Amino acid sequence: MKAQDDETVVFSWVEWPSKAEHDAGWAKIMADPRMQPGGAPRPFDGRRMIYGGFSPILDA
């Protein structure tokens, strides 16, 4: 990420109970006016954010 000396790298993990819960929750998040372009100022540069979805290969 080429973090600068005055920046902090944060790692976060969210585990949804099901795909249906994920889809419903994500729809609510994206409907929030604060998430719209030009909304509240963001505390980070979203262009440098990395995220993805994963499927478990082992659940012991």
PDB file of N, CA and C in Angstrom:
ATOM      1  N   MET A   1       0.804  -1.195   0.000  1.00  0.00           N
ATOM      2  CA  MET A   1       0.000   0.000   0.000  1.00  0.00           C
ATOM      3  C   MET A   1       0.847   1.259   0.000  1.00  0.00           C
ATOM      4  N   LYS A   2       2.137   1.097   0.160  1.00  0.00           N
ATOM      5  CA  LYS A   2       3.028   2.256   0.189  1.00  0.00           C
ATOM      6  C   LYS A   2       2.596   3.260   1.256  1.00  0.00           C
ATOM      7  N   ALA A   3       2.307   2.742   2.450  1.00  0.00           N
ATOM      8  CA  ALA A   3       1.878   3.602   3.553  1.00  0.00           C
ATOM      9  C   ALA A   3       2.984   4.590   3.914  1.00  0.00           C
ATOM     10  N   GLN A   4       2.573   5.813   4.181  1.00  0.00           N
ATOM     11  CA  GLN A   4       3.491   6.863   4.602  1.00  0.00           C
ATOM     12  C   GLN A   4       3.742   6.737   6.108  1.00  0.00           C
ATOM     13  N   ASP A   5       4.740   7.424   6.607  1.00  0.00           N
ATOM     14  CA  ASP A   5       5.083   7.355   8.031  1.00  0.00           C
ATOM     15  C   ASP A   5       3.932   7.807   8.928  1.00  0.00           C
ATOM     16  N   ASP A   6       3.092   8.711   8.450  1.00  0.00           N
ATOM     17  CA  ASP A   6       1.996   9.224   9.279  1.00  0.00           C
ATOM     18  C   ASP A   6       0.680   8.464   9.054  1.00  0.00           C
ATOM     19  N   GLU A   7       0.721   7.320   8.355  1.00  0.00           N
ATOM     20  CA  GLU A   7      -0.469   6.523   8.086  1.00  0.00           C
ATOM     21  C   GLU A   7      -0.443   5.223   8.873  1.00  0.00           C
ATOM     22  N   THR A   8      -1.618   4.687   9.131  1.00  0.00           N
ATOM     23  CA  THR A   8      -1.762   3.412   9.815  1.00  0.00           C
ATOM     24  C   THR A   8      -2.504   2.448   8.905  1.00  0.00           C
ATOM     25  N   VAL A   9      -1.983   1.241   8.751  1.00  0.00           N
ATOM     26  CA  VAL A   9      -2.645   0.209   7.958  1.00  0.00           C
ATOM     27  C   VAL A   9      -3.584  -0.548   8.888  1.00  0.00           C
ATOM     28  N   VAL A  10      -4.844  -0.731   8.445  1.00  0.00           N
ATOM     29  CA  VAL A  10      -5.852  -1.414   9.256  1.00  0.00           C
ATOM     30  C   VAL A  10      -6.342  -2.642   8.510  1.00  0.00           C
ATOM     31  N   PHE A  11      -6.468  -3.746   9.212  1.00  0.00           N
ATOM     32  CA  PHE A  11      -7.023  -4.985   8.658  1.00  0.00           C
ATOM     33  C   PHE A  11      -8.341  -5.252   9.357  1.00  0.00           C
ATOM     34  N   SER A  12      -9.352  -5.570   8.596  1.00  0.00           N
ATOM     35  CA  SER A  12     -10.669  -5.833   9.169  1.00  0.00           C
ATOM     36  C   SER A  12     -11.265  -7.078   8.520  1.00  0.00           C
ATOM     37  N   TRP A  13     -12.092  -7.782   9.274  1.00  0.00           N
ATOM     38  CA  TRP A  13     -12.697  -9.018   8.780  1.00  0.00           C
ATOM     39  C   TRP A  13     -14.163  -9.025   9.169  1.00  0.00           C
ATOM     40  N   VAL A  14     -15.053  -9.266   8.232  1.00  0.00           N
ATOM     41  CA  VAL A  14     -16.482  -9.379   8.517  1.00  0.00           C
ATOM     42  C   VAL A  14     -16.939 -10.752   8.073  1.00  0.00           C
ATOM     43  N   GLU A  15     -17.639 -11.450   8.944  1.00  0.00           N
ATOM     44  CA  GLU A  15     -18.174 -12.765   8.599  1.00  0.00           C
ATOM     45  C   GLU A  15     -19.692 -12.694   8.684  1.00  0.00           C
ATOM     46  N   TRP A  16     -20.351 -12.858   7.545  1.00  0.00           N
ATOM     47  CA  TRP A  16     -21.804 -12.815   7.476  1.00  0.00           C
ATOM     48  C   TRP A  16     -22.357 -14.215   7.722  1.00  0.00           C
ATOM     49  N   PRO A  17     -23.502 -14.331   8.397  1.00  0.00           N
ATOM     50  CA  PRO A  17     -24.081 -15.653   8.673  1.00  0.00           C
ATOM     51  C   PRO A  17     -24.505 -16.404   7.414  1.00  0.00           C
ATOM     52  N   SER A  18     -24.869 -15.660   6.366  1.00  0.00           N
ATOM     53  CA  SER A  18     -25.317 -16.300   5.123  1.00  0.00           C
ATOM     54  C   SER A  18     -25.208 -15.298   3.977  1.00  0.00           C
ATOM     55  N   LYS A  19     -25.313 -15.793   2.769  1.00  0.00           N
ATOM     56  CA  LYS A  19     -25.292 -14.920   1.589  1.00  0.00           C
ATOM     57  C   LYS A  19     -26.498 -13.992   1.602  1.00  0.00           C
ATOM     58  N   ALA A  20     -27.662 -14.487   2.040  1.00  0.00           N
ATOM     59  CA  ALA A  20     -28.861 -13.646   2.099  1.00  0.00           C
ATOM     60  C   ALA A  20     -28.669 -12.495   3.088  1.00  0.00           C
ATOM     61  N   GLU A  21     -28.074 -12.780   4.262  1.00  0.00           N
ATOM     62  CA  GLU A  21     -27.800 -11.723   5.246  1.00  0.00           C
ATOM     63  C   GLU A  21     -26.804 -10.716   4.686  1.00  0.00           C
ATOM     64  N   HIS A  22     -25.810 -11.199   3.988  1.00  0.00           N
ATOM     65  CA  HIS A  22     -24.828 -10.318   3.362  1.00  0.00           C
ATOM     66  C   HIS A  22     -25.505  -9.383   2.372  1.00  0.00           C
ATOM     67  N   ASP A  23     -26.303  -9.943   1.484  1.00  0.00           N
ATOM     68  CA  ASP A  23     -26.951  -9.128   0.453  1.00  0.00           C
ATOM     69  C   ASP A  23     -27.878  -8.081   1.067  1.00  0.00           C
ATOM     70  N   ALA A  24     -28.652  -8.474   2.087  1.00  0.00           N
ATOM     71  CA  ALA A  24     -29.563  -7.522   2.744  1.00  0.00           C
ATOM     72  C   ALA A  24     -28.781  -6.436   3.481  1.00  0.00           C
ATOM     73  N   GLY A  25     -27.744  -6.824   4.190  1.00  0.00           N
ATOM     74  CA  GLY A  25     -26.929  -5.861   4.925  1.00  0.00           C
ATOM     75  C   GLY A  25     -26.210  -4.906   3.997  1.00  0.00           C
ATOM     76  N   TRP A  26     -25.649  -5.432   2.917  1.00  0.00           N
ATOM     77  CA  TRP A  26     -24.920  -4.584   1.980  1.00  0.00           C
ATOM     78  C   TRP A  26     -25.867  -3.592   1.313  1.00  0.00           C
ATOM     79  N   ALA A  27     -27.103  -4.009   1.007  1.00  0.00           N
ATOM     80  CA  ALA A  27     -28.084  -3.088   0.415  1.00  0.00           C
ATOM     81  C   ALA A  27     -28.378  -1.929   1.367  1.00  0.00           C
ATOM     82  N   LYS A  28     -28.499  -2.217   2.670  1.00  0.00           N
ATOM     83  CA  LYS A  28     -28.743  -1.154   3.653  1.00  0.00           C
ATOM     84  C   LYS A  28     -27.549  -0.212   3.757  1.00  0.00           C
ATOM     85  N   ILE A  29     -26.355  -0.782   3.731  1.00  0.00           N
ATOM     86  CA  ILE A  29     -25.148   0.050   3.807  1.00  0.00           C
ATOM     87  C   ILE A  29     -25.088   0.997   2.621  1.00  0.00           C
ATOM     88  N   MET A  30     -25.306   0.483   1.438  1.00  0.00           N
ATOM     89  CA  MET A  30     -25.191   1.311   0.238  1.00  0.00           C
ATOM     90  C   MET A  30     -26.344   2.310   0.110  1.00  0.00           C
ATOM     91  N   ALA A  31     -27.467   2.078   0.788  1.00  0.00           N
ATOM     92  CA  ALA A  31     -28.594   3.013   0.764  1.00  0.00           C
ATOM     93  C   ALA A  31     -28.373   4.188   1.724  1.00  0.00           C
ATOM     94  N   ASP A  32     -27.410   4.068   2.632  1.00  0.00           N
ATOM     95  CA  ASP A  32     -27.124   5.131   3.595  1.00  0.00           C
ATOM     96  C   ASP A  32     -26.594   6.353   2.851  1.00  0.00           C
ATOM     97  N   PRO A  33     -27.188   7.525   3.062  1.00  0.00           N
ATOM     98  CA  PRO A  33     -26.737   8.733   2.353  1.00  0.00           C
ATOM     99  C   PRO A  33     -25.260   9.047   2.575  1.00  0.00           C
ATOM    100  N   ARG A  34     -24.708   8.641   3.705  1.00  0.00           N
ATOM    101  CA  ARG A  34     -23.289   8.911   3.973  1.00  0.00           C
ATOM    102  C   ARG A  34     -22.371   8.135   3.037  1.00  0.00           C
ATOM    103  N   MET A  35     -22.896   7.100   2.400  1.00  0.00           N
ATOM    104  CA  MET A  35     -22.094   6.286   1.491  1.00  0.00           C
ATOM    105  C   MET A  35     -22.161   6.782   0.052  1.00  0.00           C
ATOM    106  N   GLN A  36     -22.982   7.772  -0.213  1.00  0.00           N
ATOM    107  CA  GLN A  36     -23.135   8.295  -1.576  1.00  0.00           C
ATOM    108  C   GLN A  36     -21.980   9.229  -1.920  1.00  0.00           C
ATOM    109  N   PRO A  37     -21.611   9.275  -3.210  1.00  0.00           N
ATOM    110  CA  PRO A  37     -20.556  10.216  -3.603  1.00  0.00           C
ATOM    111  C   PRO A  37     -20.919  11.638  -3.184  1.00  0.00           C
ATOM    112  N   GLY A  38     -19.967  12.338  -2.635  1.00  0.00           N
ATOM    113  CA  GLY A  38     -20.212  13.706  -2.188  1.00  0.00           C
ATOM    114  C   GLY A  38     -20.845  13.772  -0.811  1.00  0.00           C
ATOM    115  N   GLY A  39     -21.025  12.620  -0.144  1.00  0.00           N
ATOM    116  CA  GLY A  39     -21.598  12.599   1.198  1.00  0.00           C
ATOM    117  C   GLY A  39     -20.576  13.070   2.224  1.00  0.00           C
ATOM    118  N   ALA A  40     -20.667  12.541   3.407  1.00  0.00           N
ATOM    119  CA  ALA A  40     -19.748  12.918   4.490  1.00  0.00           C
ATOM    120  C   ALA A  40     -18.306  12.630   4.082  1.00  0.00           C
ATOM    121  N   PRO A  41     -17.377  13.462   4.504  1.00  0.00           N
ATOM    122  CA  PRO A  41     -15.972  13.208   4.164  1.00  0.00           C
ATOM    123  C   PRO A  41     -15.500  11.881   4.758  1.00  0.00           C
ATOM    124  N   ARG A  42     -14.734  11.162   4.000  1.00  0.00           N
ATOM    125  CA  ARG A  42     -14.247   9.846   4.435  1.00  0.00           C
ATOM    126  C   ARG A  42     -12.924   9.998   5.179  1.00  0.00           C
ATOM    127  N   PRO A  43     -12.703   9.173   6.182  1.00  0.00           N
ATOM    128  CA  PRO A  43     -11.451   9.282   6.948  1.00  0.00           C
ATOM    129  C   PRO A  43     -10.283   8.555   6.281  1.00  0.00           C
ATOM    130  N   PHE A  44     -10.483   8.082   5.045  1.00  0.00           N
ATOM    131  CA  PHE A  44      -9.436   7.346   4.354  1.00  0.00           C
ATOM    132  C   PHE A  44      -9.598   7.520   2.849  1.00  0.00           C
ATOM    133  N   ASP A  45      -8.575   7.152   2.114  1.00  0.00           N
ATOM    134  CA  ASP A  45      -8.610   7.208   0.657  1.00  0.00           C
ATOM    135  C   ASP A  45      -9.129   5.874   0.142  1.00  0.00           C
ATOM    136  N   GLY A  46     -10.400   5.819  -0.213  1.00  0.00           N
ATOM    137  CA  GLY A  46     -11.031   4.577  -0.651  1.00  0.00           C
ATOM    138  C   GLY A  46     -10.407   3.973  -1.897  1.00  0.00           C
ATOM    139  N   ARG A  47      -9.673   4.772  -2.671  1.00  0.00           N
ATOM    140  CA  ARG A  47      -9.014   4.238  -3.864  1.00  0.00           C
ATOM    141  C   ARG A  47      -7.884   3.282  -3.502  1.00  0.00           C
ATOM    142  N   ARG A  48      -7.423   3.349  -2.257  1.00  0.00           N
ATOM    143  CA  ARG A  48      -6.328   2.479  -1.820  1.00  0.00           C
ATOM    144  C   ARG A  48      -6.833   1.296  -1.003  1.00  0.00           C
ATOM    145  N   MET A  49      -8.150   1.137  -0.911  1.00  0.00           N
ATOM    146  CA  MET A  49      -8.728   0.062  -0.119  1.00  0.00           C
ATOM    147  C   MET A  49      -8.764  -1.234  -0.941  1.00  0.00           C
ATOM    148  N   ILE A  50      -8.416  -2.328  -0.302  1.00  0.00           N
ATOM    149  CA  ILE A  50      -8.458  -3.637  -0.945  1.00  0.00           C
ATOM    150  C   ILE A  50      -9.510  -4.459  -0.213  1.00  0.00           C
ATOM    151  N   TYR A  51     -10.401  -5.074  -0.957  1.00  0.00           N
ATOM    152  CA  TYR A  51     -11.430  -5.911  -0.344  1.00  0.00           C
ATOM    153  C   TYR A  51     -11.811  -7.027  -1.297  1.00  0.00           C
ATOM    154  N   GLY A  52     -12.459  -8.038  -0.754  1.00  0.00           N
ATOM    155  CA  GLY A  52     -12.874  -9.154  -1.602  1.00  0.00           C
ATOM    156  C   GLY A  52     -13.794 -10.076  -0.847  1.00  0.00           C
ATOM    157  N   GLY A  53     -14.326 -11.016  -1.544  1.00  0.00           N
ATOM    158  CA  GLY A  53     -15.187 -12.032  -0.951  1.00  0.00           C
ATOM    159  C   GLY A  53     -14.515 -13.386  -1.081  1.00  0.00           C
ATOM    160  N   PHE A  54     -14.678 -14.193  -0.079  1.00  0.00           N
ATOM    161  CA  PHE A  54     -13.993 -15.475  -0.050  1.00  0.00           C
ATOM    162  C   PHE A  54     -14.954 -16.564   0.390  1.00  0.00           C
ATOM    163  N   SER A  55     -14.679 -17.774  -0.047  1.00  0.00           N
ATOM    164  CA  SER A  55     -15.433 -18.947   0.391  1.00  0.00           C
ATOM    165  C   SER A  55     -14.512 -19.821   1.204  1.00  0.00           C
ATOM    166  N   PRO A  56     -14.993 -20.347   2.347  1.00  0.00           N
ATOM    167  CA  PRO A  56     -14.120 -21.210   3.149  1.00  0.00           C
ATOM    168  C   PRO A  56     -13.788 -22.502   2.412  1.00  0.00           C
ATOM    169  N   ILE A  57     -12.549 -22.967   2.583  1.00  0.00           N
ATOM    170  CA  ILE A  57     -12.183 -24.258   2.018  1.00  0.00           C
ATOM    171  C   ILE A  57     -12.088 -25.324   3.111  1.00  0.00           C
ATOM    172  N   LEU A  58     -12.074 -24.875   4.385  1.00  0.00           N
ATOM    173  CA  LEU A  58     -12.046 -25.796   5.509  1.00  0.00           C
ATOM    174  C   LEU A  58     -12.762 -25.147   6.678  1.00  0.00           C
ATOM    175  N   ASP A  59     -13.699 -25.860   7.255  1.00  0.00           N
ATOM    176  CA  ASP A  59     -14.431 -25.360   8.424  1.00  0.00           C
ATOM    177  C   ASP A  59     -14.394 -26.452   9.472  1.00  0.00           C
ATOM    178  N   ALA A  60     -13.397 -26.358  10.358  1.00  0.00           N
ATOM    179  CA  ALA A  60     -13.210 -27.431  11.353  1.00  0.00           C
ATOM    180  C   ALA A  60     -13.768 -27.012  12.697  1.00  0.00           C
TER     181      ALA A  60
END
